[in-house]
């Protein structure tokens, strides 16, 4: 039960973080005031607004659905969903970093968050299959 709770709270925290970051990007203030012109040709986005909307839909709603489903039900699909969302974040972070050609602090933080999500999903799956007879 504890691994399920930890995994679902982590998914919910990533969802809230995606919505917070997306909202910050949409506001266009501070660091998100201007989109770096050197990124326009390298990334599939040409503004913070487009990047925020995609991030909020894919990572915000995606992790929210996984977290809500995890709090309601307990089956192996929760582990696979967590693994999928972590792998998707990992691929998106590595892809953006390779496209831009530089590592930035948010890239490193997203990479660490994605590895944590993959490890949580994989670890919970391994523990569940190891102790199949244990009721939770």
Protein backbone atom coordinates (compact mmCIF):
# COMPACT_ATOMS: atom_id res chain seq x y z
CA UNK A 1 0.00 0.00 0.00
CA UNK A 2 2.86 2.37 0.79
CA UNK A 3 4.49 1.97 -2.65
CA UNK A 4 1.14 2.71 -4.30
CA UNK A 5 0.68 5.86 -2.22
CA UNK A 6 4.21 7.11 -2.82
CA UNK A 7 3.93 6.50 -6.56
CA UNK A 8 0.55 8.22 -6.83
CA UNK A 9 1.63 11.22 -4.75
CA UNK A 10 4.71 11.57 -6.98
CA UNK A 11 2.53 11.43 -10.11
CA UNK A 12 0.18 14.02 -8.62
CA UNK A 13 3.13 16.27 -7.71
CA UNK A 14 4.47 16.05 -11.27
CA UNK A 15 1.01 16.93 -12.57
CA UNK A 16 0.73 19.98 -10.32
CA UNK A 17 4.27 20.99 -11.31
CA UNK A 18 3.42 20.74 -15.02
CA UNK A 19 0.34 22.92 -14.56
CA UNK A 20 2.28 25.44 -12.46
CA UNK A 21 5.13 25.65 -14.98
CA UNK A 22 2.66 25.85 -17.86
CA UNK A 23 0.82 28.68 -16.14
CA UNK A 24 4.09 30.49 -15.56
CA UNK A 25 5.00 30.10 -19.22
CA UNK A 26 1.59 31.36 -20.33
CA UNK A 27 1.89 34.46 -18.16
CA UNK A 28 4.88 35.63 -20.20
CA UNK A 29 6.53 37.30 -17.23
CA UNK A 30 10.02 37.05 -15.81
CA UNK A 31 12.16 34.39 -17.41
CA UNK A 32 9.33 33.56 -19.84
CA UNK A 33 9.00 37.13 -21.16
CA UNK A 34 10.66 36.37 -24.49
CA UNK A 35 11.17 33.09 -26.28
CA UNK A 36 14.86 32.60 -27.17
CA UNK A 37 15.12 33.25 -30.93
CA UNK A 38 17.93 30.71 -31.29
CA UNK A 39 15.53 27.95 -30.16
CA UNK A 40 12.87 28.78 -32.76
CA UNK A 41 14.51 26.73 -35.51
CA UNK A 42 15.63 23.88 -33.27
CA UNK A 43 12.45 23.09 -31.33
CA UNK A 44 9.00 22.29 -32.69
CA UNK A 45 7.70 25.32 -30.76
CA UNK A 46 8.09 28.98 -31.58
CA UNK A 47 6.61 30.42 -28.38
CA UNK A 48 6.26 29.73 -24.69
CA UNK A 49 2.48 29.55 -25.13
CA UNK A 50 2.59 26.54 -27.47
CA UNK A 51 5.11 24.76 -25.27
CA UNK A 52 3.00 25.45 -22.17
CA UNK A 53 -0.19 24.09 -23.72
CA UNK A 54 1.47 20.88 -24.91
CA UNK A 55 3.23 20.40 -21.57
CA UNK A 56 0.05 20.95 -19.58
CA UNK A 57 -1.95 18.55 -21.76
CA UNK A 58 0.63 15.80 -22.04
CA UNK A 59 2.36 15.90 -18.67
CA UNK A 60 -0.17 17.73 -16.51
CA UNK A 61 -3.29 15.83 -17.57
CA UNK A 62 -1.38 12.60 -18.22
CA UNK A 63 0.11 12.43 -14.74
CA UNK A 64 -3.19 13.57 -13.20
CA UNK A 65 -5.05 10.71 -14.87
CA UNK A 66 -2.41 8.22 -13.75
CA UNK A 67 -2.50 9.56 -10.17
CA UNK A 68 -6.30 9.62 -9.92
CA UNK A 69 -6.59 6.14 -11.38
CA UNK A 70 -3.89 4.96 -8.99
CA UNK A 71 -5.75 6.32 -5.97
CA UNK A 72 -8.99 4.68 -7.12
CA UNK A 73 -7.76 1.30 -8.39
CA UNK A 74 -4.79 -0.94 -7.79
CA UNK A 75 -3.66 -3.01 -10.73
CA UNK A 76 -0.55 -3.52 -12.82
CA UNK A 77 -1.63 -0.92 -15.36
CA UNK A 78 -0.80 1.78 -12.81
CA UNK A 79 2.83 0.69 -12.84
CA UNK A 80 2.97 0.61 -16.63
CA UNK A 81 1.28 4.02 -16.83
CA UNK A 82 3.81 5.47 -14.42
CA UNK A 83 6.65 3.89 -16.40
CA UNK A 84 5.19 5.26 -19.64
CA UNK A 85 4.84 8.81 -18.31
CA UNK A 86 8.37 8.70 -16.88
CA UNK A 87 9.81 7.39 -20.15
CA UNK A 88 7.89 10.03 -22.10
CA UNK A 89 9.30 12.80 -19.90
CA UNK A 90 12.79 11.30 -20.20
CA UNK A 91 12.57 11.16 -24.01
CA UNK A 92 11.14 14.69 -24.21
CA UNK A 93 13.90 16.07 -21.97
CA UNK A 94 16.71 14.31 -23.85
CA UNK A 95 15.18 15.26 -27.21
CA UNK A 96 14.88 18.93 -26.30
CA UNK A 97 18.39 18.99 -24.89
CA UNK A 98 19.83 17.41 -28.03
CA UNK A 99 17.84 19.81 -30.23
CA UNK A 100 19.02 22.89 -28.38
CA UNK A 101 22.52 21.53 -27.90
CA UNK A 102 22.88 22.65 -24.27
CA UNK A 103 21.95 21.49 -20.80
CA UNK A 104 20.02 23.95 -18.66
CA UNK A 105 19.08 23.66 -14.99
CA UNK A 106 15.41 22.88 -15.79
CA UNK A 107 16.58 20.13 -18.18
CA UNK A 108 18.59 18.50 -15.41
CA UNK A 109 15.67 18.77 -13.00
CA UNK A 110 13.27 17.23 -15.52
CA UNK A 111 15.76 14.45 -16.23
CA UNK A 112 16.00 13.65 -12.50
CA UNK A 113 12.19 13.76 -12.16
CA UNK A 114 11.76 11.41 -15.12
CA UNK A 115 14.33 8.94 -13.79
CA UNK A 116 12.60 9.04 -10.40
CA UNK A 117 9.24 8.33 -12.01
CA UNK A 118 10.62 5.43 -14.04
CA UNK A 119 12.33 3.96 -10.97
CA UNK A 120 9.17 4.29 -8.87
CA UNK A 121 7.05 2.53 -11.49
CA UNK A 122 9.62 -0.17 -12.11
CA UNK A 123 10.34 -0.71 -8.43
CA UNK A 124 6.67 -0.97 -7.50
CA UNK A 125 6.08 -3.41 -10.37
CA UNK A 126 9.00 -5.59 -9.29
CA UNK A 127 7.88 -5.56 -5.65
CA UNK A 128 4.31 -6.45 -6.63
CA UNK A 129 5.38 -9.37 -8.83
CA UNK A 130 7.83 -10.57 -6.20
CA UNK A 131 5.16 -10.69 -3.49
CA UNK A 132 2.12 -11.69 -5.52
CA UNK A 133 0.54 -13.54 -2.62
CA UNK A 134 0.74 -10.56 -0.27
CA UNK A 135 -2.55 -8.68 0.01
CA UNK A 136 -2.44 -4.92 0.14
